[in-house]
Amino acid sequence: MAAMTPTAPDVTPESGARAAARPTTPVRIRRRPRVWRGLVLGLGGAYFLVPLIASFVFTVHTPGQGVSFEAYTALLSADGFTQSLLLSLGLAAATIALSLLLAVPALVAVRLGAPRLRPVVEVMCMLPLVVPPIALVTGISTVLRWGPDHLSRTPLYQTFLAVQNEDFPFVLVLAYTVMALPFVYRSLDAGLRAIDVPTLVEAARNCGASWPYVMLRVILPNLRSSLAGAAFLTLALVLGEFSIASILGFRPFAVWIVSISGAQARMSVAVSLLSLVITWLLLLVLSRAGTAQTGTPGAPRTSRKES
């Protein structure tokens, strides 16, 4: 029986040491070539930068006269430049405030109390994407013409006049809010999906927090990135919108740029480049505000070290 039992080979310490001393061949990891990545990024950068560079050269170079920055130096003294720019910035700020004031409580209420109504709210918020801006402004102008004729003896007559004030046309804020609603909804809905709103609200309410405190100190800090994204898209929409303001007869920044393009082409292109720079700076500020870290004041920041 002992002869039939297989025995394991003897492993001496020397053989084990020799096996450990054998050099191990390093495993080479194949890295994908970055040629295509650089090519795609280069083509994308050229697609955006070449028209901007060509526009800048057009504004500063005059054939036969050389380089001159007169198109940029004359901007501050141009008639209507400051007023139109401040008007567009004011309209953008009011539109952002009104859209968030309408959308945030509504979406939080739907998520807490009536989740089944979410598809209905989504369809209603997406409708401005289906309705063309021309149809929207046609309906607004029809209502504005109808109101003073039929409501001249009512207090609403003054309301129709107030919303059409040329210094600050609030009717544009209402129209821009409707147009920005799909973008605001998508941004806020993504933020609300990322957090557990019922648990946060229930925990805060069990601790004795009021509803305003829950909204301001619990919900909104967790939606910082979503709020910044909604403001980001709304600002870009308002600063570049032309058709509604032009048809209604108002003159924000985009309409002013088009109005001077016929007589002063170089200044028009210079203003367009300047508006892009201003928009990029404002969007950069909003993006930085959305990614800023929040924490307890005075608390030390701990850094994670990789082991």
Protein backbone atom coordinates (compact mmCIF):
# COMPACT_ATOMS: atom_id res chain seq x y z
CA MET A 1 0.00 0.00 0.00
CA ALA A 2 2.88 2.36 0.78
CA ALA A 3 4.42 1.69 -2.62
CA MET A 4 1.17 2.50 -4.39
CA THR A 5 0.67 5.82 -2.59
CA PRO A 6 2.04 8.73 -4.68
CA THR A 7 4.51 10.89 -2.84
CA ALA A 8 4.92 14.66 -3.41
CA PRO A 9 8.29 15.79 -4.74
CA ASP A 10 10.65 17.07 -2.15
CA VAL A 11 11.00 20.83 -2.12
CA THR A 12 14.25 21.90 -0.61
CA PRO A 13 14.90 25.40 0.69
CA GLU A 14 17.54 25.81 -2.00
CA SER A 15 15.09 25.15 -4.84
CA GLY A 16 12.63 27.59 -3.30
CA ALA A 17 15.30 30.25 -3.02
CA ARG A 18 16.37 29.69 -6.63
CA ALA A 19 12.77 30.09 -7.81
CA ALA A 20 12.43 33.33 -5.87
CA ALA A 21 15.68 34.62 -7.26
CA ARG A 22 14.61 34.17 -10.86
CA PRO A 23 14.07 37.52 -12.57
CA THR A 24 10.46 38.27 -13.42
CA THR A 25 9.80 39.70 -16.84
CA PRO A 26 7.90 43.02 -16.60
CA VAL A 27 4.45 43.05 -18.16
CA ARG A 28 4.26 45.72 -20.79
CA ILE A 29 0.96 47.58 -20.93
CA ARG A 30 -0.01 48.69 -24.38
CA ARG A 31 -1.01 52.29 -24.43
CA ARG A 32 -3.39 53.46 -27.05
CA PRO A 33 -1.91 56.07 -29.35
CA ARG A 34 -3.04 59.60 -28.59
CA VAL A 35 -2.74 60.74 -32.18
CA TRP A 36 -6.47 60.59 -32.88
CA ARG A 37 -7.30 62.33 -29.62
CA GLY A 38 -4.97 65.21 -30.44
CA LEU A 39 -6.28 65.36 -34.01
CA VAL A 40 -9.91 65.61 -32.88
CA LEU A 41 -9.08 68.26 -30.27
CA GLY A 42 -7.06 70.19 -32.83
CA LEU A 43 -9.88 70.14 -35.38
CA GLY A 44 -12.40 71.19 -32.72
CA GLY A 45 -10.16 74.04 -31.55
CA ALA A 46 -9.57 75.20 -35.12
CA TYR A 47 -13.33 75.10 -35.80
CA PHE A 48 -13.92 77.61 -32.99
CA LEU A 49 -10.71 79.65 -33.05
CA VAL A 50 -10.21 80.28 -36.77
CA PRO A 51 -13.44 82.32 -37.21
CA LEU A 52 -12.65 84.30 -34.04
CA ILE A 53 -9.11 85.05 -35.18
CA ALA A 54 -10.35 86.04 -38.64
CA SER A 55 -12.95 88.36 -37.07
CA PHE A 56 -10.32 89.95 -34.84
CA VAL A 57 -7.99 90.52 -37.80
CA PHE A 58 -10.88 92.12 -39.71
CA THR A 59 -11.49 94.58 -36.87
CA VAL A 60 -7.87 95.67 -36.42
CA HIS A 61 -6.39 95.49 -39.94
CA THR A 62 -7.30 97.95 -42.65
CA PRO A 63 -5.84 97.33 -46.13
CA GLY A 64 -3.40 100.09 -46.97
CA GLN A 65 -3.51 101.61 -43.48
CA GLY A 66 -2.07 98.93 -41.25
CA VAL A 67 -3.20 97.87 -37.78
CA SER A 68 -5.57 100.06 -35.77
CA PHE A 69 -7.64 99.42 -32.64
CA GLU A 70 -10.05 102.24 -33.33
CA ALA A 71 -13.01 99.84 -33.55
CA TYR A 72 -12.44 98.85 -29.90
CA THR A 73 -11.54 102.26 -28.50
CA ALA A 74 -14.70 103.78 -29.98
CA LEU A 75 -16.98 101.26 -28.27
CA LEU A 76 -17.34 103.06 -24.96
CA SER A 77 -18.38 106.26 -26.69
CA ALA A 78 -20.74 104.51 -29.13
CA ASP A 79 -24.36 105.58 -28.83
CA GLY A 80 -26.42 102.98 -26.98
CA PHE A 81 -23.59 100.56 -26.16
CA THR A 82 -23.64 100.91 -22.36
CA GLN A 83 -27.43 101.15 -22.12
CA SER A 84 -28.07 98.06 -24.23
CA LEU A 85 -25.42 96.00 -22.43
CA LEU A 86 -26.75 96.93 -18.98
CA LEU A 87 -30.29 96.23 -20.16
CA SER A 88 -29.37 92.73 -21.35
CA LEU A 89 -27.53 91.97 -18.10
CA GLY A 90 -30.51 93.18 -16.08
CA LEU A 91 -32.91 91.09 -18.17
CA ALA A 92 -30.65 88.05 -17.72
CA ALA A 93 -30.51 88.50 -13.93
CA ALA A 94 -34.29 88.93 -13.68
CA THR A 95 -34.92 85.92 -15.95
CA ILE A 96 -32.59 83.71 -13.89
CA ALA A 97 -34.25 84.77 -10.64
CA LEU A 98 -37.80 84.29 -11.96
CA SER A 99 -37.10 80.90 -13.60
CA LEU A 100 -35.45 79.48 -10.48
CA LEU A 101 -38.16 80.94 -8.25
CA LEU A 102 -40.80 79.15 -10.32
CA ALA A 103 -39.00 75.89 -11.03
CA VAL A 104 -37.27 74.97 -7.77
CA PRO A 105 -40.32 74.95 -5.44
CA ALA A 106 -42.48 73.27 -8.10
CA LEU A 107 -40.02 70.44 -8.77
CA VAL A 108 -39.33 69.89 -5.07
CA ALA A 109 -43.07 69.78 -4.34
CA VAL A 110 -43.66 67.29 -7.15
CA ARG A 111 -40.80 65.09 -5.93
CA LEU A 112 -42.07 65.11 -2.36
CA GLY A 113 -45.83 65.04 -2.65
CA ALA A 114 -46.87 63.96 -6.15
CA PRO A 115 -44.25 61.86 -7.99
CA ARG A 116 -46.90 60.69 -10.46
CA LEU A 117 -47.26 64.23 -11.80
CA ARG A 118 -43.61 64.34 -12.87
CA PRO A 119 -44.34 63.31 -16.53
CA VAL A 120 -47.03 66.02 -16.74
CA VAL A 121 -44.66 68.68 -15.40
CA GLU A 122 -41.94 67.49 -17.76
CA VAL A 123 -44.19 67.77 -20.80
CA MET A 124 -45.33 71.25 -19.78
CA CYS A 125 -41.73 72.41 -19.27
CA MET A 126 -40.63 70.98 -22.62
CA LEU A 127 -43.39 72.68 -24.64
CA PRO A 128 -41.30 75.83 -25.39
CA LEU A 129 -38.99 73.62 -27.44
CA VAL A 130 -41.92 72.72 -29.69
CA VAL A 131 -43.36 76.24 -30.05
CA PRO A 132 -41.20 78.43 -32.36
CA PRO A 133 -40.11 81.81 -30.95
CA ILE A 134 -41.91 83.56 -33.82
CA ALA A 135 -45.21 81.99 -32.77
CA LEU A 136 -44.52 82.91 -29.14
CA VAL A 137 -43.78 86.55 -29.92
CA THR A 138 -46.82 86.76 -32.22
CA GLY A 139 -49.06 85.66 -29.37
CA ILE A 140 -47.41 88.12 -26.96
CA SER A 141 -47.78 91.05 -29.36
CA THR A 142 -51.43 90.15 -29.98
CA VAL A 143 -52.15 90.17 -26.24
CA LEU A 144 -50.30 93.47 -25.78
CA ARG A 145 -52.40 95.08 -28.55
CA TRP A 146 -55.62 93.58 -27.21
CA GLY A 147 -55.12 94.60 -23.59
CA PRO A 148 -55.19 98.41 -23.72
CA ASP A 149 -58.26 98.45 -25.96
CA HIS A 150 -60.37 96.21 -23.73
CA LEU A 151 -58.94 97.00 -20.28
CA SER A 152 -58.59 100.76 -20.50
CA ARG A 153 -61.09 101.30 -17.65
CA THR A 154 -59.61 98.71 -15.32
CA PRO A 155 -56.51 98.75 -13.08
CA LEU A 156 -54.88 96.21 -15.41
CA TYR A 157 -54.40 98.96 -17.99
CA GLN A 158 -51.47 100.36 -16.02
CA THR A 159 -50.03 96.85 -15.77
CA PHE A 160 -49.97 96.51 -19.56
CA LEU A 161 -48.15 99.81 -19.80
CA ALA A 162 -45.68 98.95 -17.03
CA VAL A 163 -44.55 95.64 -18.53
CA GLN A 164 -43.72 97.48 -21.79
CA ASN A 165 -41.55 100.14 -20.22
CA GLU A 166 -38.57 100.73 -22.51
CA ASP A 167 -36.18 101.28 -19.60
CA PHE A 168 -36.82 97.73 -18.38
CA PRO A 169 -39.33 95.74 -20.48
CA PHE A 170 -40.59 93.10 -18.08
CA VAL A 171 -42.49 91.45 -20.91
CA LEU A 172 -39.12 90.27 -22.24
CA VAL A 173 -38.39 88.69 -18.86
CA LEU A 174 -41.64 86.74 -19.09
CA ALA A 175 -40.89 85.61 -22.64
CA TYR A 176 -37.31 84.63 -21.79
CA THR A 177 -38.48 82.71 -18.74
CA VAL A 178 -40.76 80.60 -20.94
CA MET A 179 -37.95 79.98 -23.42
CA ALA A 180 -35.45 79.04 -20.69
CA LEU A 181 -37.84 76.72 -18.88
CA PRO A 182 -36.76 73.49 -20.68
CA PHE A 183 -33.09 74.06 -19.86
CA VAL A 184 -33.82 75.01 -16.27
CA TYR A 185 -36.01 71.95 -15.82
CA ARG A 186 -33.40 69.53 -17.20
CA SER A 187 -30.65 70.94 -15.02
CA LEU A 188 -32.70 70.94 -11.82
CA ASP A 189 -34.23 67.53 -12.50
CA ALA A 190 -30.76 66.00 -12.87
CA GLY A 191 -29.73 67.57 -9.56
CA LEU A 192 -32.82 66.34 -7.73
CA ARG A 193 -32.30 62.83 -9.06
CA ALA A 194 -28.78 62.81 -7.62
CA ILE A 195 -29.90 63.46 -4.02
CA ASP A 196 -32.43 61.80 -1.74
CA VAL A 197 -34.79 64.73 -1.26
CA PRO A 198 -37.44 62.96 0.93
CA THR A 199 -34.82 61.71 3.38
CA LEU A 200 -33.14 65.10 3.65
CA VAL A 201 -36.45 66.91 4.17
CA GLU A 202 -37.69 64.36 6.70
CA ALA A 203 -34.45 64.54 8.69
CA ALA A 204 -34.50 68.33 8.73
CA ARG A 205 -38.18 68.50 9.70
CA ASN A 206 -37.64 65.96 12.51
CA CYS A 207 -34.91 68.23 13.87
CA GLY A 208 -37.39 71.09 14.05
CA ALA A 209 -36.41 73.01 10.90
CA SER A 210 -39.05 75.15 9.20
CA TRP A 211 -39.86 74.84 5.52
CA PRO A 212 -38.00 78.03 4.53
CA TYR A 213 -34.94 76.77 6.44
CA VAL A 214 -35.20 73.38 4.71
CA MET A 215 -35.30 75.01 1.27
CA LEU A 216 -32.51 77.53 1.91
CA ARG A 217 -30.10 75.50 4.04
CA VAL A 218 -30.78 71.88 3.05
CA ILE A 219 -32.12 71.65 -0.51
CA LEU A 220 -30.42 74.57 -2.27
CA PRO A 221 -26.83 73.81 -1.08
CA ASN A 222 -27.18 70.29 -2.51
CA LEU A 223 -28.39 71.77 -5.82
CA ARG A 224 -25.52 74.23 -6.18
CA SER A 225 -24.18 72.68 -9.40
CA SER A 226 -27.66 72.35 -10.91
CA LEU A 227 -28.54 75.96 -10.06
CA ALA A 228 -25.29 77.15 -11.63
CA GLY A 229 -25.99 75.09 -14.76
CA ALA A 230 -29.50 76.52 -15.08
CA ALA A 231 -28.19 80.07 -14.63
CA PHE A 232 -25.41 79.28 -17.13
CA LEU A 233 -27.85 78.28 -19.88
CA THR A 234 -30.33 81.08 -19.13
CA LEU A 235 -27.62 83.75 -19.28
CA ALA A 236 -26.38 82.49 -22.63
CA LEU A 237 -29.93 82.41 -24.00
CA VAL A 238 -30.83 85.96 -22.90
CA LEU A 239 -27.60 87.58 -24.10
CA GLY A 240 -27.94 86.03 -27.55
CA GLU A 241 -31.70 86.33 -28.12
CA PHE A 242 -32.68 88.64 -30.98
CA SER A 243 -36.01 87.79 -32.60
CA ILE A 244 -38.43 88.41 -29.71
CA ALA A 245 -36.85 91.71 -28.63
CA SER A 246 -36.61 92.95 -32.20
CA ILE A 247 -40.22 92.18 -33.12
CA LEU A 248 -41.54 93.74 -29.89
CA GLY A 249 -39.53 96.89 -30.59
CA PHE A 250 -37.02 96.81 -27.74
CA ARG A 251 -33.27 97.27 -28.01
CA PRO A 252 -31.15 94.99 -25.83
CA PHE A 253 -27.55 94.18 -26.63
CA ALA A 254 -28.14 91.67 -29.46
CA VAL A 255 -30.55 94.03 -31.25
CA TRP A 256 -28.12 96.94 -30.85
CA ILE A 257 -25.31 94.93 -32.45
CA VAL A 258 -27.46 94.22 -35.52
CA SER A 259 -28.65 97.84 -35.72
CA ILE A 260 -25.11 99.21 -36.06
CA SER A 261 -23.87 96.47 -38.39
CA GLY A 262 -24.99 98.28 -41.53
CA ALA A 263 -23.23 101.59 -40.88
CA GLN A 264 -20.20 100.45 -38.88
CA ALA A 265 -19.24 96.91 -39.85
CA ARG A 266 -15.91 96.82 -38.01
CA MET A 267 -17.42 98.09 -34.80
CA SER A 268 -20.24 95.56 -35.12
CA VAL A 269 -17.76 92.67 -35.35
CA ALA A 270 -15.71 94.15 -32.50
CA VAL A 271 -18.82 94.36 -30.31
CA SER A 272 -19.68 90.75 -31.18
CA LEU A 273 -16.22 89.61 -30.07
CA LEU A 274 -16.50 91.69 -26.92
CA SER A 275 -19.91 90.17 -26.16
CA LEU A 276 -18.40 86.69 -26.49
CA VAL A 277 -15.65 87.61 -24.03
CA ILE A 278 -18.17 89.08 -21.57
CA THR A 279 -20.39 86.02 -21.88
CA TRP A 280 -17.46 83.64 -21.34
CA LEU A 281 -16.34 85.58 -18.24
CA LEU A 282 -19.84 85.53 -16.75
CA LEU A 283 -20.25 81.83 -17.51
CA LEU A 284 -16.84 81.17 -15.93
CA VAL A 285 -17.97 82.98 -12.77
CA LEU A 286 -21.17 80.90 -12.69
CA SER A 287 -19.29 77.66 -13.20
CA ARG A 288 -16.86 78.53 -10.41
CA ALA A 289 -19.80 79.36 -8.15
CA GLY A 290 -21.36 75.99 -8.95
CA THR A 291 -18.22 74.01 -8.12
CA ALA A 292 -17.20 75.96 -5.01
CA GLN A 293 -16.79 73.79 -1.94
CA THR A 294 -19.06 74.38 0.98
CA GLY A 295 -18.21 73.59 4.53
CA THR A 296 -18.43 74.71 8.13
CA PRO A 297 -16.80 78.12 8.59
CA GLY A 298 -13.51 77.79 10.40
CA ALA A 299 -13.33 74.02 9.98
CA PRO A 300 -9.95 72.72 8.81
CA ARG A 301 -9.86 71.14 5.38
CA THR A 302 -8.63 67.59 5.31
CA SER A 303 -6.75 66.34 2.30
CA ARG A 304 -6.89 62.73 1.20
CA LYS A 305 -3.53 61.06 0.74
CA GLU A 306 -3.22 58.11 -1.54
CA SER A 307 -1.79 55.10 0.18
